């Protein structure tokens, strides 16, 4: 039978997961709303 408390003590997160988290949290990524705002602004500027 598994001892979950013991298994949790041994747990170490994957380095790849930590790298992905760092990339997500440290980058200011544009979301769909930002992209739409930029497209509308460009369309208005070209009229």
Protein backbone atom coordinates (compact mmCIF):
# COMPACT_ATOMS: atom_id res chain seq x y z
CA UNK A 1 0.00 0.00 0.00
CA UNK A 2 1.22 3.51 -0.81
CA UNK A 3 2.09 5.95 1.92
CA UNK A 4 0.96 9.22 0.34
CA UNK A 5 2.66 11.40 2.95
CA UNK A 6 5.98 9.69 2.26
CA UNK A 7 5.49 9.97 -1.51
CA UNK A 8 4.73 13.69 -1.20
CA UNK A 9 7.96 14.22 0.73
CA UNK A 10 9.91 12.65 -2.14
CA UNK A 11 8.14 14.68 -4.83
CA UNK A 12 10.32 17.05 -6.89
CA UNK A 13 8.75 19.09 -9.70
CA UNK A 14 10.11 18.61 -13.18
CA UNK A 15 12.62 21.21 -14.31
CA UNK A 16 10.71 21.61 -17.56
CA UNK A 17 7.58 22.61 -15.65
CA UNK A 18 9.53 25.22 -13.69
CA UNK A 19 10.97 26.61 -16.93
CA UNK A 20 7.51 26.86 -18.48
CA UNK A 21 6.16 28.60 -15.38
CA UNK A 22 9.03 31.11 -15.47
CA UNK A 23 8.40 31.83 -19.15
CA UNK A 24 4.69 32.34 -18.59
CA UNK A 25 5.04 34.56 -15.55
CA UNK A 26 8.00 36.61 -16.83
CA UNK A 27 6.62 37.41 -20.29
CA UNK A 28 3.98 39.97 -20.95
CA UNK A 29 2.00 38.00 -23.50
CA UNK A 30 -0.73 39.64 -25.54
CA UNK A 31 -4.15 38.08 -25.24
CA UNK A 32 -6.89 38.06 -27.87
CA UNK A 33 -8.33 41.36 -26.63
CA UNK A 34 -4.95 43.09 -26.99
CA UNK A 35 -4.60 41.74 -30.53
CA UNK A 36 -8.11 42.86 -31.49
CA UNK A 37 -7.49 46.36 -30.09
CA UNK A 38 -4.29 46.63 -32.12
CA UNK A 39 -6.04 45.45 -35.31
CA UNK A 40 -8.89 47.96 -34.87
CA UNK A 41 -6.41 50.77 -34.24
CA UNK A 42 -4.49 49.87 -37.41
CA UNK A 43 -7.70 49.74 -39.42
CA UNK A 44 -8.70 53.21 -38.17
CA UNK A 45 -5.23 54.61 -38.94
CA UNK A 46 -5.44 53.37 -42.55
CA UNK A 47 -8.82 54.97 -43.31
